[in-house]
């Protein structure tokens, strides 16, 4: 938990969750068209791709916290992982990233067998 006790830190996440947070920070502004979720965790496979929004007069570098080994997670990231846990297995479509944080997405689900 963070020093304030209410949010987890980057180091408290699984390795794939940490890599995903770093990916969001690298994208900074953009979208991930498709993201598989298995057992409530993002699937970080080699063919995962994304789009970045490049602003002519904007900040296009990765988010500064990308280079920090640990930090308290923003509430958007903690809630994003809570939503993935509730989803279990499925696919996110068109995940929007704003300033290195998950903003919104669609979910593809199916009835359980």
PDB file of N, CA and C in Angstrom:
ATOM      1  N   UNK A   1       0.832  -1.181   0.000  1.00  0.00           N
ATOM      2  CA  UNK A   1       0.000   0.000   0.000  1.00  0.00           C
ATOM      3  C   UNK A   1       0.877   1.245   0.000  1.00  0.00           C
ATOM      4  N   UNK A   2       0.322   2.338  -0.448  1.00  0.00           N
ATOM      5  CA  UNK A   2       1.051   3.594  -0.464  1.00  0.00           C
ATOM      6  C   UNK A   2       1.170   4.141   0.949  1.00  0.00           C
ATOM      7  N   UNK A   3       1.979   5.187   1.094  1.00  0.00           N
ATOM      8  CA  UNK A   3       2.178   5.801   2.396  1.00  0.00           C
ATOM      9  C   UNK A   3       0.845   6.258   2.993  1.00  0.00           C
ATOM     10  N   UNK A   4      -0.088   6.686   2.133  1.00  0.00           N
ATOM     11  CA  UNK A   4      -1.381   7.122   2.633  1.00  0.00           C
ATOM     12  C   UNK A   4      -2.288   5.943   2.960  1.00  0.00           C
ATOM     13  N   UNK A   5      -1.901   4.720   2.555  1.00  0.00           N
ATOM     14  CA  UNK A   5      -2.650   3.529   2.902  1.00  0.00           C
ATOM     15  C   UNK A   5      -3.862   3.242   2.039  1.00  0.00           C
ATOM     16  N   UNK A   6      -4.166   4.082   1.055  1.00  0.00           N
ATOM     17  CA  UNK A   6      -5.390   3.872   0.296  1.00  0.00           C
ATOM     18  C   UNK A   6      -5.166   3.359  -1.118  1.00  0.00           C
ATOM     19  N   UNK A   7      -3.978   3.472  -1.675  1.00  0.00           N
ATOM     20  CA  UNK A   7      -3.735   2.990  -3.026  1.00  0.00           C
ATOM     21  C   UNK A   7      -2.492   2.116  -3.061  1.00  0.00           C
ATOM     22  N   UNK A   8      -2.522   1.060  -3.884  1.00  0.00           N
ATOM     23  CA  UNK A   8      -1.317   0.236  -4.034  1.00  0.00           C
ATOM     24  C   UNK A   8      -0.227   1.006  -4.773  1.00  0.00           C
ATOM     25  N   UNK A   9       0.960   0.451  -4.759  1.00  0.00           N
ATOM     26  CA  UNK A   9       2.075   1.048  -5.482  1.00  0.00           C
ATOM     27  C   UNK A   9       2.389   0.202  -6.709  1.00  0.00           C
ATOM     28  N   UNK A  10       3.195   0.729  -7.576  1.00  0.00           N
ATOM     29  CA  UNK A  10       3.595  -0.004  -8.779  1.00  0.00           C
ATOM     30  C   UNK A  10       4.242  -1.340  -8.393  1.00  0.00           C
ATOM     31  N   UNK A  11       5.093  -1.338  -7.375  1.00  0.00           N
ATOM     32  CA  UNK A  11       5.795  -2.560  -6.971  1.00  0.00           C
ATOM     33  C   UNK A  11       4.862  -3.621  -6.405  1.00  0.00           C
ATOM     34  N   UNK A  12       3.653  -3.240  -6.001  1.00  0.00           N
ATOM     35  CA  UNK A  12       2.708  -4.228  -5.467  1.00  0.00           C
ATOM     36  C   UNK A  12       1.978  -4.985  -6.580  1.00  0.00           C
ATOM     37  N   UNK A  13       2.167  -4.577  -7.828  1.00  0.00           N
ATOM     38  CA  UNK A  13       1.512  -5.212  -8.969  1.00  0.00           C
ATOM     39  C   UNK A  13       2.288  -6.428  -9.452  1.00  0.00           C
ATOM     40  N   UNK A  14       1.613  -7.298 -10.191  1.00  0.00           N
ATOM     41  CA  UNK A  14       2.295  -8.420 -10.846  1.00  0.00           C
ATOM     42  C   UNK A  14       3.232  -7.863 -11.926  1.00  0.00           C
ATOM     43  N   UNK A  15       4.131  -8.691 -12.416  1.00  0.00           N
ATOM     44  CA  UNK A  15       5.074  -8.261 -13.452  1.00  0.00           C
ATOM     45  C   UNK A  15       4.339  -7.774 -14.705  1.00  0.00           C
ATOM     46  N   UNK A  16       3.304  -8.501 -15.159  1.00  0.00           N
ATOM     47  CA  UNK A  16       2.554  -8.070 -16.344  1.00  0.00           C
ATOM     48  C   UNK A  16       1.786  -6.778 -16.081  1.00  0.00           C
ATOM     49  N   UNK A  17       1.246  -6.615 -14.884  1.00  0.00           N
ATOM     50  CA  UNK A  17       0.556  -5.367 -14.563  1.00  0.00           C
ATOM     51  C   UNK A  17       1.540  -4.199 -14.556  1.00  0.00           C
ATOM     52  N   UNK A  18       2.736  -4.402 -14.011  1.00  0.00           N
ATOM     53  CA  UNK A  18       3.759  -3.349 -14.027  1.00  0.00           C
ATOM     54  C   UNK A  18       4.137  -2.994 -15.463  1.00  0.00           C
ATOM     55  N   UNK A  19       4.338  -4.010 -16.300  1.00  0.00           N
ATOM     56  CA  UNK A  19       4.662  -3.751 -17.707  1.00  0.00           C
ATOM     57  C   UNK A  19       3.535  -2.986 -18.391  1.00  0.00           C
ATOM     58  N   UNK A  20       2.291  -3.306 -18.026  1.00  0.00           N
ATOM     59  CA  UNK A  20       1.160  -2.609 -18.633  1.00  0.00           C
ATOM     60  C   UNK A  20       1.119  -1.145 -18.197  1.00  0.00           C
ATOM     61  N   UNK A  21       1.364  -0.871 -16.923  1.00  0.00           N
ATOM     62  CA  UNK A  21       1.423   0.519 -16.444  1.00  0.00           C
ATOM     63  C   UNK A  21       2.517   1.268 -17.202  1.00  0.00           C
ATOM     64  N   UNK A  22       3.670   0.621 -17.401  1.00  0.00           N
ATOM     65  CA  UNK A  22       4.758   1.252 -18.152  1.00  0.00           C
ATOM     66  C   UNK A  22       4.358   1.502 -19.603  1.00  0.00           C
ATOM     67  N   UNK A  23       3.607   0.580 -20.190  1.00  0.00           N
ATOM     68  CA  UNK A  23       3.120   0.780 -21.560  1.00  0.00           C
ATOM     69  C   UNK A  23       2.197   2.003 -21.628  1.00  0.00           C
ATOM     70  N   UNK A  24       1.281   2.119 -20.681  1.00  0.00           N
ATOM     71  CA  UNK A  24       0.393   3.285 -20.653  1.00  0.00           C
ATOM     72  C   UNK A  24       1.198   4.577 -20.565  1.00  0.00           C
ATOM     73  N   UNK A  25       2.233   4.568 -19.746  1.00  0.00           N
ATOM     74  CA  UNK A  25       3.070   5.759 -19.588  1.00  0.00           C
ATOM     75  C   UNK A  25       3.855   6.053 -20.863  1.00  0.00           C
ATOM     76  N   UNK A  26       4.272   5.008 -21.564  1.00  0.00           N
ATOM     77  CA  UNK A  26       5.003   5.191 -22.825  1.00  0.00           C
ATOM     78  C   UNK A  26       4.074   5.761 -23.902  1.00  0.00           C
ATOM     79  N   UNK A  27       2.848   5.251 -23.971  1.00  0.00           N
ATOM     80  CA  UNK A  27       1.874   5.747 -24.941  1.00  0.00           C
ATOM     81  C   UNK A  27       1.512   7.195 -24.618  1.00  0.00           C
ATOM     82  N   UNK A  28       1.279   7.482 -23.397  1.00  0.00           N
ATOM     83  CA  UNK A  28       0.878   8.776 -22.834  1.00  0.00           C
ATOM     84  C   UNK A  28      -0.484   9.235 -23.341  1.00  0.00           C
ATOM     85  N   UNK A  29      -0.640   9.438 -24.635  1.00  0.00           N
ATOM     86  CA  UNK A  29      -1.939   9.776 -25.236  1.00  0.00           C
ATOM     87  C   UNK A  29      -2.127   8.863 -26.440  1.00  0.00           C
ATOM     88  N   UNK A  30      -3.225   8.130 -26.472  1.00  0.00           N
ATOM     89  CA  UNK A  30      -3.469   7.251 -27.600  1.00  0.00           C
ATOM     90  C   UNK A  30      -4.509   6.197 -27.278  1.00  0.00           C
ATOM     91  N   UNK A  31      -4.416   5.078 -28.013  1.00  0.00           N
ATOM     92  CA  UNK A  31      -5.393   3.996 -27.855  1.00  0.00           C
ATOM     93  C   UNK A  31      -4.726   2.641 -28.069  1.00  0.00           C
ATOM     94  N   UNK A  32      -5.239   1.672 -27.348  1.00  0.00           N
ATOM     95  CA  UNK A  32      -4.883   0.271 -27.574  1.00  0.00           C
ATOM     96  C   UNK A  32      -6.128  -0.360 -28.197  1.00  0.00           C
ATOM     97  N   UNK A  33      -6.048  -0.747 -29.478  1.00  0.00           N
ATOM     98  CA  UNK A  33      -7.249  -1.244 -30.164  1.00  0.00           C
ATOM     99  C   UNK A  33      -7.845  -2.505 -29.540  1.00  0.00           C
ATOM    100  N   UNK A  34      -6.993  -3.456 -29.122  1.00  0.00           N
ATOM    101  CA  UNK A  34      -7.486  -4.714 -28.561  1.00  0.00           C
ATOM    102  C   UNK A  34      -6.531  -5.175 -27.468  1.00  0.00           C
ATOM    103  N   UNK A  35      -7.103  -5.561 -26.332  1.00  0.00           N
ATOM    104  CA  UNK A  35      -6.314  -6.072 -25.218  1.00  0.00           C
ATOM    105  C   UNK A  35      -7.015  -7.279 -24.627  1.00  0.00           C
ATOM    106  N   UNK A  36      -6.363  -8.420 -24.688  1.00  0.00           N
ATOM    107  CA  UNK A  36      -6.894  -9.630 -24.073  1.00  0.00           C
ATOM    108  C   UNK A  36      -6.725  -9.546 -22.556  1.00  0.00           C
ATOM    109  N   UNK A  37      -7.722 -10.059 -21.839  1.00  0.00           N
ATOM    110  CA  UNK A  37      -7.680 -10.121 -20.382  1.00  0.00           C
ATOM    111  C   UNK A  37      -7.912 -11.569 -19.984  1.00  0.00           C
ATOM    112  N   UNK A  38      -7.004 -12.120 -19.214  1.00  0.00           N
ATOM    113  CA  UNK A  38      -7.121 -13.498 -18.734  1.00  0.00           C
ATOM    114  C   UNK A  38      -6.942 -13.501 -17.219  1.00  0.00           C
ATOM    115  N   UNK A  39      -7.923 -14.126 -16.554  1.00  0.00           N
ATOM    116  CA  UNK A  39      -7.914 -14.202 -15.093  1.00  0.00           C
ATOM    117  C   UNK A  39      -7.724 -12.820 -14.465  1.00  0.00           C
ATOM    118  N   UNK A  40      -8.340 -11.806 -15.083  1.00  0.00           N
ATOM    119  CA  UNK A  40      -8.324 -10.460 -14.536  1.00  0.00           C
ATOM    120  C   UNK A  40      -7.048  -9.677 -14.761  1.00  0.00           C
ATOM    121  N   UNK A  41      -6.165 -10.190 -15.623  1.00  0.00           N
ATOM    122  CA  UNK A  41      -4.887  -9.508 -15.866  1.00  0.00           C
ATOM    123  C   UNK A  41      -4.701  -9.256 -17.363  1.00  0.00           C
ATOM    124  N   UNK A  42      -4.046  -8.145 -17.705  1.00  0.00           N
ATOM    125  CA  UNK A  42      -3.783  -7.875 -19.125  1.00  0.00           C
ATOM    126  C   UNK A  42      -2.798  -8.898 -19.685  1.00  0.00           C
ATOM    127  N   UNK A  43      -3.049  -9.350 -20.905  1.00  0.00           N
ATOM    128  CA  UNK A  43      -2.152 -10.302 -21.565  1.00  0.00           C
ATOM    129  C   UNK A  43      -1.137  -9.490 -22.362  1.00  0.00           C
ATOM    130  N   UNK A  44       0.111  -9.565 -21.939  1.00  0.00           N
ATOM    131  CA  UNK A  44       1.186  -8.798 -22.574  1.00  0.00           C
ATOM    132  C   UNK A  44       1.913  -9.695 -23.569  1.00  0.00           C
ATOM    133  N   UNK A  45       1.358  -9.855 -24.748  1.00  0.00           N
ATOM    134  CA  UNK A  45       1.967 -10.707 -25.767  1.00  0.00           C
ATOM    135  C   UNK A  45       2.738  -9.846 -26.771  1.00  0.00           C
ATOM    136  N   UNK A  46       3.676 -10.437 -27.496  1.00  0.00           N
ATOM    137  CA  UNK A  46       4.542  -9.668 -28.399  1.00  0.00           C
ATOM    138  C   UNK A  46       3.813  -8.926 -29.520  1.00  0.00           C
ATOM    139  N   UNK A  47       2.637  -9.390 -29.939  1.00  0.00           N
ATOM    140  CA  UNK A  47       1.959  -8.713 -31.039  1.00  0.00           C
ATOM    141  C   UNK A  47       0.925  -7.682 -30.555  1.00  0.00           C
ATOM    142  N   UNK A  48       0.983  -7.320 -29.286  1.00  0.00           N
ATOM    143  CA  UNK A  48       0.142  -6.230 -28.781  1.00  0.00           C
ATOM    144  C   UNK A  48       0.609  -4.922 -29.419  1.00  0.00           C
ATOM    145  N   UNK A  49      -0.307  -4.153 -29.966  1.00  0.00           N
ATOM    146  CA  UNK A  49       0.084  -2.888 -30.574  1.00  0.00           C
ATOM    147  C   UNK A  49      -0.850  -1.786 -30.115  1.00  0.00           C
ATOM    148  N   UNK A  50      -0.465  -0.534 -30.393  1.00  0.00           N
ATOM    149  CA  UNK A  50      -1.203   0.632 -29.950  1.00  0.00           C
ATOM    150  C   UNK A  50      -0.993   1.775 -30.910  1.00  0.00           C
ATOM    151  N   UNK A  51      -1.809   2.798 -30.737  1.00  0.00           N
ATOM    152  CA  UNK A  51      -1.664   4.045 -31.495  1.00  0.00           C
ATOM    153  C   UNK A  51      -1.370   5.154 -30.497  1.00  0.00           C
ATOM    154  N   UNK A  52      -0.452   6.031 -30.854  1.00  0.00           N
ATOM    155  CA  UNK A  52      -0.173   7.208 -30.037  1.00  0.00           C
ATOM    156  C   UNK A  52      -0.689   8.439 -30.754  1.00  0.00           C
ATOM    157  N   UNK A  53      -1.254   9.363 -29.998  1.00  0.00           N
ATOM    158  CA  UNK A  53      -1.618  10.676 -30.540  1.00  0.00           C
ATOM    159  C   UNK A  53      -0.390  11.563 -30.404  1.00  0.00           C
ATOM    160  N   UNK A  54       0.062  12.124 -31.503  1.00  0.00           N
ATOM    161  CA  UNK A  54       1.199  13.035 -31.499  1.00  0.00           C
ATOM    162  C   UNK A  54       0.643  14.439 -31.668  1.00  0.00           C
ATOM    163  N   UNK A  55       0.936  15.295 -30.704  1.00  0.00           N
ATOM    164  CA  UNK A  55       0.445  16.668 -30.729  1.00  0.00           C
ATOM    165  C   UNK A  55       1.556  17.566 -31.250  1.00  0.00           C
ATOM    166  N   UNK A  56       1.258  18.343 -32.263  1.00  0.00           N
ATOM    167  CA  UNK A  56       2.263  19.185 -32.907  1.00  0.00           C
ATOM    168  C   UNK A  56       2.941  20.100 -31.893  1.00  0.00           C
ATOM    169  N   UNK A  57       2.180  20.725 -31.038  1.00  0.00           N
ATOM    170  CA  UNK A  57       2.759  21.615 -30.029  1.00  0.00           C
ATOM    171  C   UNK A  57       2.543  21.068 -28.616  1.00  0.00           C
ATOM    172  N   UNK A  58       2.386  19.758 -28.504  1.00  0.00           N
ATOM    173  CA  UNK A  58       2.097  19.169 -27.197  1.00  0.00           C
ATOM    174  C   UNK A  58       3.236  18.340 -26.652  1.00  0.00           C
ATOM    175  N   UNK A  59       2.982  17.742 -25.505  1.00  0.00           N
ATOM    176  CA  UNK A  59       3.961  16.876 -24.843  1.00  0.00           C
ATOM    177  C   UNK A  59       3.826  15.473 -25.431  1.00  0.00           C
ATOM    178  N   UNK A  60       4.863  15.018 -26.144  1.00  0.00           N
ATOM    179  CA  UNK A  60       4.817  13.713 -26.804  1.00  0.00           C
ATOM    180  C   UNK A  60       5.745  12.681 -26.181  1.00  0.00           C
ATOM    181  N   UNK A  61       6.568  13.081 -25.247  1.00  0.00           N
ATOM    182  CA  UNK A  61       7.476  12.147 -24.579  1.00  0.00           C
ATOM    183  C   UNK A  61       6.679  11.251 -23.632  1.00  0.00           C
ATOM    184  N   UNK A  62       7.224  10.082 -23.279  1.00  0.00           N
ATOM    185  CA  UNK A  62       6.549   9.249 -22.281  1.00  0.00           C
ATOM    186  C   UNK A  62       6.318  10.032 -20.989  1.00  0.00           C
ATOM    187  N   UNK A  63       5.351   9.579 -20.222  1.00  0.00           N
ATOM    188  CA  UNK A  63       5.059  10.209 -18.936  1.00  0.00           C
ATOM    189  C   UNK A  63       6.306  10.131 -18.053  1.00  0.00           C
ATOM    190  N   UNK A  64       6.639  11.196 -17.316  1.00  0.00           N
ATOM    191  CA  UNK A  64       7.859  11.219 -16.504  1.00  0.00           C
ATOM    192  C   UNK A  64       7.970  10.074 -15.487  1.00  0.00           C
ATOM    193  N   UNK A  65       6.858   9.561 -14.983  1.00  0.00           N
ATOM    194  CA  UNK A  65       6.942   8.489 -13.981  1.00  0.00           C
ATOM    195  C   UNK A  65       7.349   7.150 -14.588  1.00  0.00           C
ATOM    196  N   UNK A  66       7.457   7.074 -15.911  1.00  0.00           N
ATOM    197  CA  UNK A  66       7.913   5.837 -16.551  1.00  0.00           C
ATOM    198  C   UNK A  66       9.255   5.392 -15.985  1.00  0.00           C
ATOM    199  N   UNK A  67      10.100   6.330 -15.627  1.00  0.00           N
ATOM    200  CA  UNK A  67      11.445   6.006 -15.163  1.00  0.00           C
ATOM    201  C   UNK A  67      11.533   5.849 -13.643  1.00  0.00           C
ATOM    202  N   UNK A  68      10.415   5.915 -12.938  1.00  0.00           N
ATOM    203  CA  UNK A  68      10.400   5.734 -11.483  1.00  0.00           C
ATOM    204  C   UNK A  68      10.188   4.262 -11.157  1.00  0.00           C
ATOM    205  N   UNK A  69      11.026   3.681 -10.296  1.00  0.00           N
ATOM    206  CA  UNK A  69      10.864   2.267  -9.971  1.00  0.00           C
ATOM    207  C   UNK A  69       9.601   1.971  -9.161  1.00  0.00           C
ATOM    208  N   UNK A  70       9.115   2.941  -8.380  1.00  0.00           N
ATOM    209  CA  UNK A  70       7.919   2.725  -7.585  1.00  0.00           C
ATOM    210  C   UNK A  70       7.244   4.059  -7.304  1.00  0.00           C
ATOM    211  N   UNK A  71       5.941   4.027  -7.203  1.00  0.00           N
ATOM    212  CA  UNK A  71       5.140   5.207  -6.896  1.00  0.00           C
ATOM    213  C   UNK A  71       3.734   4.735  -6.565  1.00  0.00           C
ATOM    214  N   UNK A  72       2.980   5.506  -5.790  1.00  0.00           N
ATOM    215  CA  UNK A  72       1.577   5.143  -5.557  1.00  0.00           C
ATOM    216  C   UNK A  72       0.811   5.227  -6.880  1.00  0.00           C
ATOM    217  N   UNK A  73      -0.026   4.240  -7.105  1.00  0.00           N
ATOM    218  CA  UNK A  73      -0.829   4.241  -8.326  1.00  0.00           C
ATOM    219  C   UNK A  73      -1.928   5.287  -8.229  1.00  0.00           C
ATOM    220  N   UNK A  74      -2.197   5.929  -9.334  1.00  0.00           N
ATOM    221  CA  UNK A  74      -3.331   6.851  -9.387  1.00  0.00           C
ATOM    222  C   UNK A  74      -4.614   6.034  -9.270  1.00  0.00           C
ATOM    223  N   UNK A  75      -5.667   6.658  -8.789  1.00  0.00           N
ATOM    224  CA  UNK A  75      -6.927   5.936  -8.583  1.00  0.00           C
ATOM    225  C   UNK A  75      -7.466   5.361  -9.882  1.00  0.00           C
ATOM    226  N   UNK A  76      -7.182   6.003 -11.037  1.00  0.00           N
ATOM    227  CA  UNK A  76      -7.640   5.480 -12.325  1.00  0.00           C
ATOM    228  C   UNK A  76      -7.009   4.121 -12.623  1.00  0.00           C
ATOM    229  N   UNK A  77      -5.733   3.960 -12.283  1.00  0.00           N
ATOM    230  CA  UNK A  77      -5.040   2.694 -12.534  1.00  0.00           C
ATOM    231  C   UNK A  77      -5.548   1.618 -11.580  1.00  0.00           C
ATOM    232  N   UNK A  78      -5.692   1.957 -10.301  1.00  0.00           N
ATOM    233  CA  UNK A  78      -6.223   0.995  -9.330  1.00  0.00           C
ATOM    234  C   UNK A  78      -7.627   0.537  -9.731  1.00  0.00           C
ATOM    235  N   UNK A  79      -8.469   1.463 -10.158  1.00  0.00           N
ATOM    236  CA  UNK A  79      -9.831   1.116 -10.577  1.00  0.00           C
ATOM    237  C   UNK A  79      -9.811   0.294 -11.868  1.00  0.00           C
ATOM    238  N   UNK A  80      -8.921   0.620 -12.792  1.00  0.00           N
ATOM    239  CA  UNK A  80      -8.787  -0.146 -14.032  1.00  0.00           C
ATOM    240  C   UNK A  80      -8.488  -1.611 -13.708  1.00  0.00           C
ATOM    241  N   UNK A  81      -7.517  -1.859 -12.824  1.00  0.00           N
ATOM    242  CA  UNK A  81      -7.186  -3.240 -12.479  1.00  0.00           C
ATOM    243  C   UNK A  81      -8.311  -3.909 -11.698  1.00  0.00           C
ATOM    244  N   UNK A  82      -9.073  -3.159 -10.914  1.00  0.00           N
ATOM    245  CA  UNK A  82     -10.233  -3.728 -10.229  1.00  0.00           C
ATOM    246  C   UNK A  82     -11.273  -4.178 -11.257  1.00  0.00           C
ATOM    247  N   UNK A  83     -11.496  -3.348 -12.290  1.00  0.00           N
ATOM    248  CA  UNK A  83     -12.445  -3.705 -13.350  1.00  0.00           C
ATOM    249  C   UNK A  83     -11.985  -4.945 -14.116  1.00  0.00           C
ATOM    250  N   UNK A  84     -10.683  -5.058 -14.378  1.00  0.00           N
ATOM    251  CA  UNK A  84     -10.166  -6.248 -15.061  1.00  0.00           C
ATOM    252  C   UNK A  84     -10.386  -7.492 -14.212  1.00  0.00           C
ATOM    253  N   UNK A  85     -10.147  -7.372 -12.904  1.00  0.00           N
ATOM    254  CA  UNK A  85     -10.365  -8.509 -12.002  1.00  0.00           C
ATOM    255  C   UNK A  85     -11.818  -8.937 -12.046  1.00  0.00           C
ATOM    256  N   UNK A  86     -12.742  -7.971 -12.032  1.00  0.00           N
ATOM    257  CA  UNK A  86     -14.174  -8.291 -12.100  1.00  0.00           C
ATOM    258  C   UNK A  86     -14.540  -8.926 -13.442  1.00  0.00           C
ATOM    259  N   UNK A  87     -13.865  -8.508 -14.516  1.00  0.00           N
ATOM    260  CA  UNK A  87     -14.129  -9.064 -15.845  1.00  0.00           C
ATOM    261  C   UNK A  87     -13.688 -10.520 -15.924  1.00  0.00           C
ATOM    262  N   UNK A  88     -12.548 -10.827 -15.354  1.00  0.00           N
ATOM    263  CA  UNK A  88     -12.027 -12.192 -15.423  1.00  0.00           C
ATOM    264  C   UNK A  88     -11.367 -12.447 -16.755  1.00  0.00           C
ATOM    265  N   UNK A  89     -12.124 -13.006 -17.704  1.00  0.00           N
ATOM    266  CA  UNK A  89     -11.632 -13.267 -19.048  1.00  0.00           C
ATOM    267  C   UNK A  89     -12.476 -12.460 -20.034  1.00  0.00           C
ATOM    268  N   UNK A  90     -11.811 -11.853 -20.996  1.00  0.00           N
ATOM    269  CA  UNK A  90     -12.528 -11.079 -21.999  1.00  0.00           C
ATOM    270  C   UNK A  90     -11.562 -10.307 -22.864  1.00  0.00           C
ATOM    271  N   UNK A  91     -12.086  -9.341 -23.554  1.00  0.00           N
ATOM    272  CA  UNK A  91     -11.256  -8.528 -24.433  1.00  0.00           C
ATOM    273  C   UNK A  91     -11.708  -7.081 -24.333  1.00  0.00           C
ATOM    274  N   UNK A  92     -10.745  -6.180 -24.140  1.00  0.00           N
ATOM    275  CA  UNK A  92     -11.025  -4.755 -24.166  1.00  0.00           C
ATOM    276  C   UNK A  92     -10.806  -4.265 -25.585  1.00  0.00           C
ATOM    277  N   UNK A  93     -11.648  -3.340 -26.004  1.00  0.00           N
ATOM    278  CA  UNK A  93     -11.559  -2.767 -27.338  1.00  0.00           C
ATOM    279  C   UNK A  93     -11.457  -1.254 -27.197  1.00  0.00           C
ATOM    280  N   UNK A  94     -10.530  -0.692 -27.948  1.00  0.00           N
ATOM    281  CA  UNK A  94     -10.400   0.758 -28.044  1.00  0.00           C
ATOM    282  C   UNK A  94     -10.169   1.409 -26.679  1.00  0.00           C
ATOM    283  N   UNK A  95      -9.181   0.890 -25.941  1.00  0.00           N
ATOM    284  CA  UNK A  95      -8.803   1.464 -24.648  1.00  0.00           C
ATOM    285  C   UNK A  95      -8.140   2.817 -24.883  1.00  0.00           C
ATOM    286  N   UNK A  96      -8.755   3.871 -24.381  1.00  0.00           N
ATOM    287  CA  UNK A  96      -8.204   5.211 -24.541  1.00  0.00           C
ATOM    288  C   UNK A  96      -7.258   5.519 -23.385  1.00  0.00           C
ATOM    289  N   UNK A  97      -6.088   6.067 -23.729  1.00  0.00           N
ATOM    290  CA  UNK A  97      -5.068   6.439 -22.751  1.00  0.00           C
ATOM    291  C   UNK A  97      -4.928   7.955 -22.769  1.00  0.00           C
ATOM    292  N   UNK A  98      -5.055   8.571 -21.605  1.00  0.00           N
ATOM    293  CA  UNK A  98      -4.894  10.021 -21.481  1.00  0.00           C
ATOM    294  C   UNK A  98      -3.858  10.316 -20.407  1.00  0.00           C
ATOM    295  N   UNK A  99      -2.787  10.952 -20.809  1.00  0.00           N
ATOM    296  CA  UNK A  99      -1.675  11.310 -19.929  1.00  0.00           C
ATOM    297  C   UNK A  99      -1.152  10.105 -19.147  1.00  0.00           C
ATOM    298  N   UNK A 100      -1.046   8.969 -19.842  1.00  0.00           N
ATOM    299  CA  UNK A 100      -0.497   7.762 -19.243  1.00  0.00           C
ATOM    300  C   UNK A 100      -1.457   6.989 -18.365  1.00  0.00           C
ATOM    301  N   UNK A 101      -2.737   7.350 -18.373  1.00  0.00           N
ATOM    302  CA  UNK A 101      -3.737   6.694 -17.533  1.00  0.00           C
ATOM    303  C   UNK A 101      -4.847   6.095 -18.391  1.00  0.00           C
ATOM    304  N   UNK A 102      -5.390   4.940 -17.970  1.00  0.00           N
ATOM    305  CA  UNK A 102      -6.537   4.395 -18.695  1.00  0.00           C
ATOM    306  C   UNK A 102      -7.740   5.305 -18.475  1.00  0.00           C
ATOM    307  N   UNK A 103      -8.454   5.614 -19.573  1.00  0.00           N
ATOM    308  CA  UNK A 103      -9.581   6.542 -19.459  1.00  0.00           C
ATOM    309  C   UNK A 103     -10.921   5.830 -19.674  1.00  0.00           C
ATOM    310  N   UNK A 104     -11.065   5.128 -20.796  1.00  0.00           N
ATOM    311  CA  UNK A 104     -12.303   4.402 -21.063  1.00  0.00           C
ATOM    312  C   UNK A 104     -12.024   3.306 -22.087  1.00  0.00           C
ATOM    313  N   UNK A 105     -12.947   2.344 -22.163  1.00  0.00           N
ATOM    314  CA  UNK A 105     -12.797   1.224 -23.094  1.00  0.00           C
ATOM    315  C   UNK A 105     -14.131   0.529 -23.270  1.00  0.00           C
ATOM    316  N   UNK A 106     -14.229  -0.258 -24.336  1.00  0.00           N
ATOM    317  CA  UNK A 106     -15.357  -1.157 -24.549  1.00  0.00           C
ATOM    318  C   UNK A 106     -14.897  -2.556 -24.167  1.00  0.00           C
ATOM    319  N   UNK A 107     -15.858  -3.416 -23.846  1.00  0.00           N
ATOM    320  CA  UNK A 107     -15.549  -4.790 -23.444  1.00  0.00           C
ATOM    321  C   UNK A 107     -16.279  -5.754 -24.357  1.00  0.00           C
ATOM    322  N   UNK A 108     -15.561  -6.765 -24.825  1.00  0.00           N
ATOM    323  CA  UNK A 108     -16.182  -7.877 -25.549  1.00  0.00           C
ATOM    324  C   UNK A 108     -16.245  -9.042 -24.572  1.00  0.00           C
ATOM    325  N   UNK A 109     -17.466  -9.523 -24.330  1.00  0.00           N
ATOM    326  CA  UNK A 109     -17.666 -10.616 -23.386  1.00  0.00           C
ATOM    327  C   UNK A 109     -18.524 -11.687 -24.052  1.00  0.00           C
ATOM    328  N   UNK A 110     -18.599 -12.857 -23.432  1.00  0.00           N
ATOM    329  CA  UNK A 110     -19.502 -13.886 -23.897  1.00  0.00           C
ATOM    330  C   UNK A 110     -20.067 -14.614 -22.692  1.00  0.00           C
ATOM    331  N   UNK A 111     -21.195 -15.251 -22.900  1.00  0.00           N
ATOM    332  CA  UNK A 111     -21.801 -15.999 -21.818  1.00  0.00           C
ATOM    333  C   UNK A 111     -20.890 -17.148 -21.413  1.00  0.00           C
ATOM    334  N   UNK A 112     -20.819 -17.424 -20.118  1.00  0.00           N
ATOM    335  CA  UNK A 112     -20.014 -18.574 -19.691  1.00  0.00           C
ATOM    336  C   UNK A 112     -20.619 -19.879 -20.199  1.00  0.00           C
ATOM    337  N   UNK A 113     -19.759 -20.844 -20.420  1.00  0.00           N
ATOM    338  CA  UNK A 113     -20.222 -22.147 -20.931  1.00  0.00           C
ATOM    339  C   UNK A 113     -21.040 -22.883 -19.914  1.00  0.00           C
TER     340      UNK A 113
END
